[in-house]
Amino acid sequence: MSRQRQSMNSSVLTISERNNIETGPWFSKLSLPLRSDILARATVRRLTDGALMSVRGEPAEEWIGVAKGAVRVSSVSLSGKQVTLTYVEPGIWFGDIALFDGLPRTHDASAHGETTLLVIRKPDFRDLLQRHTELYEALLRLNCRRLRLMFDQVEDLNTRPLASRLAKQILLLARSYGVSQGEEVRIGLQLAQEDLAQLLGASRQRVNQELKGFEREGAVRVEPTRLVVLSKEKLLAIANR
């Protein structure tokens, strides 16, 4: 990746950032002593939009929780094109797999928007595992969930039409980044249609066609770099076709 690494270190999370971490679906289920120990060892790192975190092939040195913004996980195709695989949302922890198996990072990672991270260095991660055996089982559950989601995505890619997959992806984005405004839900994550296309393994032109169809059905409104969900029910109906 051509972007340079940029970060601004700060020792304190804002109230909303701390709430994103503490209410995360995985972190919130840990015992209070383990949660407290993790937070005590974490360093707050603030990244500007597009700042590079790690590149494929690098040694794994950190376990990371997203407190604000998003982390774009991507790879480079054989033709040299950058392809987005997923966006890691606030409240989600990642990077533990490479710390377990000792292998290099498998993908590039960069900040998408202004992003705040909690960073645990490898020695502290290992110490946490030694002090809290609970963490082993918790991370096993976390990675089982990731594996199930991966199988679901592979199944969708091979069995569902693009319209169904796109509607499902928009619903997931609305759940993770949605801000309700009356009956509408505005997706806070700024995504171009090319970004959506990469997530779905489709062309931008086909995604554009499907989005126009969604607009005609009154399911969404397309704004520059934004999507607004007008009807979750209509999106669900499309997703289940």
C-alpha atoms as a PDB file:
ATOM      1  CA  MET A   1       0.000   0.000   0.000  1.00  0.00           C
ATOM      2  CA  SER A   2       1.236   3.481  -0.804  1.00  0.00           C
ATOM      3  CA  ARG A   3      -0.193   5.332   2.153  1.00  0.00           C
ATOM      4  CA  GLN A   4       2.213   6.282   4.906  1.00  0.00           C
ATOM      5  CA  ARG A   5       1.711   5.290   8.497  1.00  0.00           C
ATOM      6  CA  GLN A   6       0.291   8.131  10.572  1.00  0.00           C
ATOM      7  CA  SER A   7      -0.889   8.036  14.166  1.00  0.00           C
ATOM      8  CA  MET A   8      -1.522  10.270  17.135  1.00  0.00           C
ATOM      9  CA  ASN A   9      -1.082   8.657  20.537  1.00  0.00           C
ATOM     10  CA  SER A  10      -3.342   9.604  23.428  1.00  0.00           C
ATOM     11  CA  SER A  11      -3.707   7.907  26.781  1.00  0.00           C
ATOM     12  CA  VAL A  12      -7.431   8.496  27.329  1.00  0.00           C
ATOM     13  CA  LEU A  13     -10.521   7.270  25.527  1.00  0.00           C
ATOM     14  CA  THR A  14     -13.518   9.558  25.171  1.00  0.00           C
ATOM     15  CA  ILE A  15     -16.746   8.477  26.855  1.00  0.00           C
ATOM     16  CA  SER A  16     -18.248   7.282  23.556  1.00  0.00           C
ATOM     17  CA  GLU A  17     -15.062   5.413  22.586  1.00  0.00           C
ATOM     18  CA  ARG A  18     -14.909   3.634  25.945  1.00  0.00           C
ATOM     19  CA  ASN A  19     -18.609   2.790  25.652  1.00  0.00           C
ATOM     20  CA  ASN A  20     -17.991   1.242  22.204  1.00  0.00           C
ATOM     21  CA  ILE A  21     -15.339  -1.024  23.706  1.00  0.00           C
ATOM     22  CA  GLU A  22     -17.200  -1.942  26.901  1.00  0.00           C
ATOM     23  CA  THR A  23     -20.499  -2.713  25.161  1.00  0.00           C
ATOM     24  CA  GLY A  24     -18.881  -4.731  22.349  1.00  0.00           C
ATOM     25  CA  PRO A  25     -20.662  -8.082  21.937  1.00  0.00           C
ATOM     26  CA  TRP A  26     -17.524 -10.088  22.762  1.00  0.00           C
ATOM     27  CA  PHE A  27     -15.738  -7.873  25.291  1.00  0.00           C
ATOM     28  CA  SER A  28     -18.846  -7.235  27.409  1.00  0.00           C
ATOM     29  CA  LYS A  29     -19.197 -10.962  28.157  1.00  0.00           C
ATOM     30  CA  LEU A  30     -15.732 -11.246  29.734  1.00  0.00           C
ATOM     31  CA  SER A  31     -15.331 -11.215  33.502  1.00  0.00           C
ATOM     32  CA  LEU A  32     -14.730  -7.855  35.179  1.00  0.00           C
ATOM     33  CA  PRO A  33     -11.154  -8.755  36.267  1.00  0.00           C
ATOM     34  CA  LEU A  34     -10.214  -9.719  32.694  1.00  0.00           C
ATOM     35  CA  ARG A  35     -11.824  -6.624  31.175  1.00  0.00           C
ATOM     36  CA  SER A  36     -10.039  -4.422  33.673  1.00  0.00           C
ATOM     37  CA  ASP A  37      -6.677  -6.089  33.027  1.00  0.00           C
ATOM     38  CA  ILE A  38      -7.052  -5.703  29.259  1.00  0.00           C
ATOM     39  CA  LEU A  39      -7.894  -2.015  29.566  1.00  0.00           C
ATOM     40  CA  ALA A  40      -5.030  -1.427  31.995  1.00  0.00           C
ATOM     41  CA  ARG A  41      -2.510  -2.792  29.483  1.00  0.00           C
ATOM     42  CA  ALA A  42      -3.949  -1.107  26.380  1.00  0.00           C
ATOM     43  CA  THR A  43      -2.451   1.896  24.624  1.00  0.00           C
ATOM     44  CA  VAL A  44      -4.784   4.308  22.853  1.00  0.00           C
ATOM     45  CA  ARG A  45      -3.817   5.011  19.254  1.00  0.00           C
ATOM     46  CA  ARG A  46      -5.593   7.558  17.067  1.00  0.00           C
ATOM     47  CA  LEU A  47      -5.275   7.272  13.297  1.00  0.00           C
ATOM     48  CA  THR A  48      -6.090   9.683  10.506  1.00  0.00           C
ATOM     49  CA  ASP A  49      -8.170   8.531   7.554  1.00  0.00           C
ATOM     50  CA  GLY A  50      -6.201   6.155   5.338  1.00  0.00           C
ATOM     51  CA  ALA A  51      -3.348   5.696   7.825  1.00  0.00           C
ATOM     52  CA  LEU A  52      -1.615   2.357   7.329  1.00  0.00           C
ATOM     53  CA  MET A  53      -1.605   0.006  10.323  1.00  0.00           C
ATOM     54  CA  SER A  54       0.041  -3.114   8.971  1.00  0.00           C
ATOM     55  CA  VAL A  55       0.892  -4.801   5.685  1.00  0.00           C
ATOM     56  CA  ARG A  56       0.733  -8.362   4.484  1.00  0.00           C
ATOM     57  CA  GLY A  57       3.818 -10.363   5.419  1.00  0.00           C
ATOM     58  CA  GLU A  58       4.724  -8.322   8.485  1.00  0.00           C
ATOM     59  CA  PRO A  59       5.312 -10.067  11.825  1.00  0.00           C
ATOM     60  CA  ALA A  60       2.298  -9.864  14.126  1.00  0.00           C
ATOM     61  CA  GLU A  61       3.057  -7.737  17.184  1.00  0.00           C
ATOM     62  CA  GLU A  62      -0.307  -6.377  18.366  1.00  0.00           C
ATOM     63  CA  TRP A  63      -3.820  -7.344  19.405  1.00  0.00           C
ATOM     64  CA  ILE A  64      -6.257  -4.565  18.596  1.00  0.00           C
ATOM     65  CA  GLY A  65      -9.714  -3.366  19.585  1.00  0.00           C
ATOM     66  CA  VAL A  66     -11.567  -0.737  17.549  1.00  0.00           C
ATOM     67  CA  ALA A  67     -12.998   2.063  19.697  1.00  0.00           C
ATOM     68  CA  LYS A  68     -14.048   4.477  16.933  1.00  0.00           C
ATOM     69  CA  GLY A  69     -14.151   4.566  13.131  1.00  0.00           C
ATOM     70  CA  ALA A  70     -13.286   1.420  11.200  1.00  0.00           C
ATOM     71  CA  VAL A  71     -10.345  -0.650  10.015  1.00  0.00           C
ATOM     72  CA  ARG A  72     -10.272  -1.532   6.329  1.00  0.00           C
ATOM     73  CA  VAL A  73      -8.852  -5.017   5.726  1.00  0.00           C
ATOM     74  CA  SER A  74      -7.695  -5.464   2.155  1.00  0.00           C
ATOM     75  CA  SER A  75      -5.455  -7.393  -0.201  1.00  0.00           C
ATOM     76  CA  VAL A  76      -3.918  -6.895  -3.625  1.00  0.00           C
ATOM     77  CA  SER A  77      -5.160  -8.986  -6.538  1.00  0.00           C
ATOM     78  CA  LEU A  78      -2.886 -10.632  -9.108  1.00  0.00           C
ATOM     79  CA  SER A  79      -3.547  -7.668 -11.393  1.00  0.00           C
ATOM     80  CA  GLY A  80      -2.338  -5.259  -8.704  1.00  0.00           C
ATOM     81  CA  LYS A  81      -5.776  -3.947  -7.744  1.00  0.00           C
ATOM     82  CA  GLN A  82      -6.527  -3.165  -4.088  1.00  0.00           C
ATOM     83  CA  VAL A  83      -9.531  -5.232  -2.944  1.00  0.00           C
ATOM     84  CA  THR A  84     -11.446  -4.585   0.280  1.00  0.00           C
ATOM     85  CA  LEU A  85     -12.389  -7.749   2.180  1.00  0.00           C
ATOM     86  CA  THR A  86     -14.112  -6.307   5.251  1.00  0.00           C
ATOM     87  CA  TYR A  87     -14.391  -3.361   7.623  1.00  0.00           C
ATOM     88  CA  VAL A  88     -13.754  -3.957  11.323  1.00  0.00           C
ATOM     89  CA  GLU A  89     -16.303  -1.986  13.305  1.00  0.00           C
ATOM     90  CA  PRO A  90     -16.180  -0.374  16.792  1.00  0.00           C
ATOM     91  CA  GLY A  91     -16.308  -2.893  19.627  1.00  0.00           C
ATOM     92  CA  ILE A  92     -14.538  -5.622  17.634  1.00  0.00           C
ATOM     93  CA  TRP A  93     -11.107  -7.059  18.525  1.00  0.00           C
ATOM     94  CA  PHE A  94      -8.792  -8.605  15.937  1.00  0.00           C
ATOM     95  CA  GLY A  95      -5.199  -9.667  15.298  1.00  0.00           C
ATOM     96  CA  ASP A  96      -5.161 -12.563  17.763  1.00  0.00           C
ATOM     97  CA  ILE A  97      -4.909 -15.350  15.169  1.00  0.00           C
ATOM     98  CA  ALA A  98      -1.432 -14.324  13.998  1.00  0.00           C
ATOM     99  CA  LEU A  99      -0.315 -13.953  17.615  1.00  0.00           C
ATOM    100  CA  PHE A 100      -1.355 -17.560  18.240  1.00  0.00           C
ATOM    101  CA  ASP A 101       0.162 -19.238  15.190  1.00  0.00           C
ATOM    102  CA  GLY A 102       3.215 -16.986  14.893  1.00  0.00           C
ATOM    103  CA  LEU A 103       2.733 -16.494  11.154  1.00  0.00           C
ATOM    104  CA  PRO A 104       2.906 -13.093   9.395  1.00  0.00           C
ATOM    105  CA  ARG A 105      -0.101 -10.875   8.781  1.00  0.00           C
ATOM    106  CA  THR A 106      -2.192 -12.154   5.875  1.00  0.00           C
ATOM    107  CA  HIS A 107      -3.707  -8.826   4.781  1.00  0.00           C
ATOM    108  CA  ASP A 108      -3.180  -5.069   4.761  1.00  0.00           C
ATOM    109  CA  ALA A 109      -5.007  -2.958   7.343  1.00  0.00           C
ATOM    110  CA  SER A 110      -5.654   0.786   7.302  1.00  0.00           C
ATOM    111  CA  ALA A 111      -7.910   3.322   9.018  1.00  0.00           C
ATOM    112  CA  HIS A 112     -11.204   4.134   7.317  1.00  0.00           C
ATOM    113  CA  GLY A 113     -12.113   7.577   8.598  1.00  0.00           C
ATOM    114  CA  GLU A 114     -10.796   9.018  11.864  1.00  0.00           C
ATOM    115  CA  THR A 115     -10.129   5.867  13.882  1.00  0.00           C
ATOM    116  CA  THR A 116      -9.290   5.129  17.511  1.00  0.00           C
ATOM    117  CA  LEU A 117      -7.742   1.819  18.559  1.00  0.00           C
ATOM    118  CA  LEU A 118      -6.843   0.043  21.775  1.00  0.00           C
ATOM    119  CA  VAL A 119      -3.539  -1.728  21.228  1.00  0.00           C
ATOM    120  CA  ILE A 120      -2.154  -4.638  23.287  1.00  0.00           C
ATOM    121  CA  ARG A 121       1.466  -5.559  22.588  1.00  0.00           C
ATOM    122  CA  LYS A 122       2.374  -9.224  22.090  1.00  0.00           C
ATOM    123  CA  PRO A 123       4.145  -9.664  25.477  1.00  0.00           C
ATOM    124  CA  ASP A 124       1.098  -8.261  27.296  1.00  0.00           C
ATOM    125  CA  PHE A 125      -1.227 -10.443  25.220  1.00  0.00           C
ATOM    126  CA  ARG A 126       0.730 -13.540  26.235  1.00  0.00           C
ATOM    127  CA  ASP A 127       0.747 -12.435  29.859  1.00  0.00           C
ATOM    128  CA  LEU A 128      -3.020 -11.943  29.760  1.00  0.00           C
ATOM    129  CA  LEU A 129      -3.404 -15.527  28.500  1.00  0.00           C
ATOM    130  CA  GLN A 130      -1.243 -16.823  31.359  1.00  0.00           C
ATOM    131  CA  ARG A 131      -3.100 -14.826  34.017  1.00  0.00           C
ATOM    132  CA  HIS A 132      -6.622 -15.399  32.677  1.00  0.00           C
ATOM    133  CA  THR A 133      -7.324 -18.867  31.293  1.00  0.00           C
ATOM    134  CA  GLU A 134     -10.817 -17.550  30.557  1.00  0.00           C
ATOM    135  CA  LEU A 135      -9.302 -15.595  27.655  1.00  0.00           C
ATOM    136  CA  TYR A 136      -8.407 -18.795  25.763  1.00  0.00           C
ATOM    137  CA  GLU A 137     -12.031 -19.987  25.709  1.00  0.00           C
ATOM    138  CA  ALA A 138     -13.328 -16.488  24.925  1.00  0.00           C
ATOM    139  CA  LEU A 139     -11.005 -16.152  21.926  1.00  0.00           C
ATOM    140  CA  LEU A 140     -11.934 -19.659  20.777  1.00  0.00           C
ATOM    141  CA  ARG A 141     -15.613 -18.638  20.772  1.00  0.00           C
ATOM    142  CA  LEU A 142     -14.726 -15.441  18.923  1.00  0.00           C
ATOM    143  CA  ASN A 143     -12.863 -17.303  16.193  1.00  0.00           C
ATOM    144  CA  CYS A 144     -15.612 -19.919  15.893  1.00  0.00           C
ATOM    145  CA  ARG A 145     -18.017 -17.051  15.209  1.00  0.00           C
ATOM    146  CA  ARG A 146     -15.647 -15.641  12.576  1.00  0.00           C
ATOM    147  CA  LEU A 147     -15.456 -19.046  10.913  1.00  0.00           C
ATOM    148  CA  ARG A 148     -19.246 -19.392  10.834  1.00  0.00           C
ATOM    149  CA  LEU A 149     -19.568 -15.928   9.284  1.00  0.00           C
ATOM    150  CA  MET A 150     -16.954 -16.833   6.679  1.00  0.00           C
ATOM    151  CA  PHE A 151     -18.871 -20.005   5.751  1.00  0.00           C
ATOM    152  CA  ASP A 152     -22.084 -17.940   5.495  1.00  0.00           C
ATOM    153  CA  GLN A 153     -20.356 -15.498   3.139  1.00  0.00           C
ATOM    154  CA  VAL A 154     -19.027 -18.299   0.945  1.00  0.00           C
ATOM    155  CA  GLU A 155     -22.486 -19.876   0.818  1.00  0.00           C
ATOM    156  CA  ASP A 156     -24.108 -16.527  -0.075  1.00  0.00           C
ATOM    157  CA  LEU A 157     -21.542 -15.908  -2.805  1.00  0.00           C
ATOM    158  CA  ASN A 158     -22.322 -19.259  -4.410  1.00  0.00           C
ATOM    159  CA  THR A 159     -26.080 -19.469  -3.894  1.00  0.00           C
ATOM    160  CA  ARG A 160     -27.614 -15.986  -3.617  1.00  0.00           C
ATOM    161  CA  PRO A 161     -28.153 -13.463  -6.415  1.00  0.00           C
ATOM    162  CA  LEU A 162     -26.352 -10.131  -6.164  1.00  0.00           C
ATOM    163  CA  ALA A 163     -29.484  -8.209  -5.138  1.00  0.00           C
ATOM    164  CA  SER A 164     -29.986 -10.525  -2.160  1.00  0.00           C
ATOM    165  CA  ARG A 165     -26.345 -10.267  -1.083  1.00  0.00           C
ATOM    166  CA  LEU A 166     -26.327  -6.486  -1.468  1.00  0.00           C
ATOM    167  CA  ALA A 167     -29.491  -6.072   0.604  1.00  0.00           C
ATOM    168  CA  LYS A 168     -28.018  -8.316   3.316  1.00  0.00           C
ATOM    169  CA  GLN A 169     -24.764  -6.310   3.317  1.00  0.00           C
ATOM    170  CA  ILE A 170     -26.630  -3.001   3.645  1.00  0.00           C
ATOM    171  CA  LEU A 171     -28.619  -4.379   6.593  1.00  0.00           C
ATOM    172  CA  LEU A 172     -25.370  -5.455   8.289  1.00  0.00           C
ATOM    173  CA  LEU A 173     -23.856  -2.010   7.727  1.00  0.00           C
ATOM    174  CA  ALA A 174     -27.000  -0.375   9.112  1.00  0.00           C
ATOM    175  CA  ARG A 175     -26.787  -2.528  12.235  1.00  0.00           C
ATOM    176  CA  SER A 176     -23.113  -1.683  12.799  1.00  0.00           C
ATOM    177  CA  TYR A 177     -22.976   1.950  11.675  1.00  0.00           C
ATOM    178  CA  GLY A 178     -26.586   3.081  11.436  1.00  0.00           C
ATOM    179  CA  VAL A 179     -27.834   6.314  12.977  1.00  0.00           C
ATOM    180  CA  SER A 180     -31.619   6.516  13.234  1.00  0.00           C
ATOM    181  CA  GLN A 181     -33.263   9.712  12.041  1.00  0.00           C
ATOM    182  CA  GLY A 182     -36.970   9.195  12.465  1.00  0.00           C
ATOM    183  CA  GLU A 183     -37.928   6.209  10.319  1.00  0.00           C
ATOM    184  CA  GLU A 184     -34.731   6.453   8.289  1.00  0.00           C
ATOM    185  CA  VAL A 185     -31.377   4.885   9.183  1.00  0.00           C
ATOM    186  CA  ARG A 186     -28.313   6.720   7.863  1.00  0.00           C
ATOM    187  CA  ILE A 187     -25.229   4.524   7.533  1.00  0.00           C
ATOM    188  CA  GLY A 188     -22.353   6.453   9.100  1.00  0.00           C
ATOM    189  CA  LEU A 189     -19.587   4.541   7.338  1.00  0.00           C
ATOM    190  CA  GLN A 190     -18.660   6.386   4.148  1.00  0.00           C
ATOM    191  CA  LEU A 191     -18.537   3.869   1.323  1.00  0.00           C
ATOM    192  CA  ALA A 192     -18.320   4.474  -2.392  1.00  0.00           C
ATOM    193  CA  GLN A 193     -20.139   2.052  -4.689  1.00  0.00           C
ATOM    194  CA  GLU A 194     -16.750   0.604  -5.642  1.00  0.00           C
ATOM    195  CA  ASP A 195     -16.193  -0.245  -1.955  1.00  0.00           C
ATOM    196  CA  LEU A 196     -19.540  -2.050  -1.800  1.00  0.00           C
ATOM    197  CA  ALA A 197     -18.732  -3.882  -5.011  1.00  0.00           C
ATOM    198  CA  GLN A 198     -15.427  -5.129  -3.590  1.00  0.00           C
ATOM    199  CA  LEU A 199     -17.154  -6.437  -0.459  1.00  0.00           C
ATOM    200  CA  LEU A 200     -19.565  -8.419  -2.638  1.00  0.00           C
ATOM    201  CA  GLY A 201     -17.155  -9.610  -5.313  1.00  0.00           C
ATOM    202  CA  ALA A 202     -19.107  -7.781  -8.009  1.00  0.00           C
ATOM    203  CA  SER A 203     -18.563  -4.925 -10.456  1.00  0.00           C
ATOM    204  CA  ARG A 204     -19.408  -1.335  -9.547  1.00  0.00           C
ATOM    205  CA  GLN A 205     -21.769  -1.157 -12.529  1.00  0.00           C
ATOM    206  CA  ARG A 206     -23.850  -4.126 -11.341  1.00  0.00           C
ATOM    207  CA  VAL A 207     -24.008  -2.766  -7.787  1.00  0.00           C
ATOM    208  CA  ASN A 208     -25.110   0.605  -9.165  1.00  0.00           C
ATOM    209  CA  GLN A 209     -27.914  -1.087 -11.128  1.00  0.00           C
ATOM    210  CA  GLU A 210     -29.129  -2.976  -8.060  1.00  0.00           C
ATOM    211  CA  LEU A 211     -29.048   0.158  -5.880  1.00  0.00           C
ATOM    212  CA  LYS A 212     -31.184   2.001  -8.436  1.00  0.00           C
ATOM    213  CA  GLY A 213     -33.657  -0.860  -8.194  1.00  0.00           C
ATOM    214  CA  PHE A 214     -33.651  -0.599  -4.391  1.00  0.00           C
ATOM    215  CA  GLU A 215     -34.375   3.134  -4.701  1.00  0.00           C
ATOM    216  CA  ARG A 216     -37.323   2.476  -7.020  1.00  0.00           C
ATOM    217  CA  GLU A 217     -38.728   0.017  -4.462  1.00  0.00           C
ATOM    218  CA  GLY A 218     -38.354   2.592  -1.687  1.00  0.00           C
ATOM    219  CA  ALA A 219     -35.858   0.509   0.283  1.00  0.00           C
ATOM    220  CA  VAL A 220     -32.877   2.899   0.266  1.00  0.00           C
ATOM    221  CA  ARG A 221     -31.767   6.350  -0.795  1.00  0.00           C
ATOM    222  CA  VAL A 222     -28.327   6.688  -2.370  1.00  0.00           C
ATOM    223  CA  GLU A 223     -26.338   9.790  -1.447  1.00  0.00           C
ATOM    224  CA  PRO A 224     -22.711  10.625  -2.365  1.00  0.00           C
ATOM    225  CA  THR A 225     -20.579   8.145  -0.315  1.00  0.00           C
ATOM    226  CA  ARG A 226     -23.616   7.440   1.925  1.00  0.00           C
ATOM    227  CA  LEU A 227     -26.550   5.063   2.028  1.00  0.00           C
ATOM    228  CA  VAL A 228     -29.801   5.776   3.843  1.00  0.00           C
ATOM    229  CA  VAL A 229     -32.089   2.864   4.690  1.00  0.00           C
ATOM    230  CA  LEU A 230     -35.711   3.883   4.171  1.00  0.00           C
ATOM    231  CA  SER A 231     -37.295   0.496   4.901  1.00  0.00           C
ATOM    232  CA  LYS A 232     -35.614  -2.414   6.690  1.00  0.00           C
ATOM    233  CA  GLU A 233     -38.652  -4.544   5.880  1.00  0.00           C
ATOM    234  CA  LYS A 234     -38.225  -4.035   2.136  1.00  0.00           C
ATOM    235  CA  LEU A 235     -34.500  -4.770   2.375  1.00  0.00           C
ATOM    236  CA  LEU A 236     -35.241  -7.965   4.307  1.00  0.00           C
ATOM    237  CA  ALA A 237     -37.701  -9.001   1.630  1.00  0.00           C
ATOM    238  CA  ILE A 238     -35.062  -8.461  -1.062  1.00  0.00           C
ATOM    239  CA  ALA A 239     -32.423 -10.307   0.991  1.00  0.00           C
ATOM    240  CA  ASN A 240     -34.708 -13.329   1.305  1.00  0.00           C
ATOM    241  CA  ARG A 241     -35.654 -13.584  -2.357  1.00  0.00           C
END
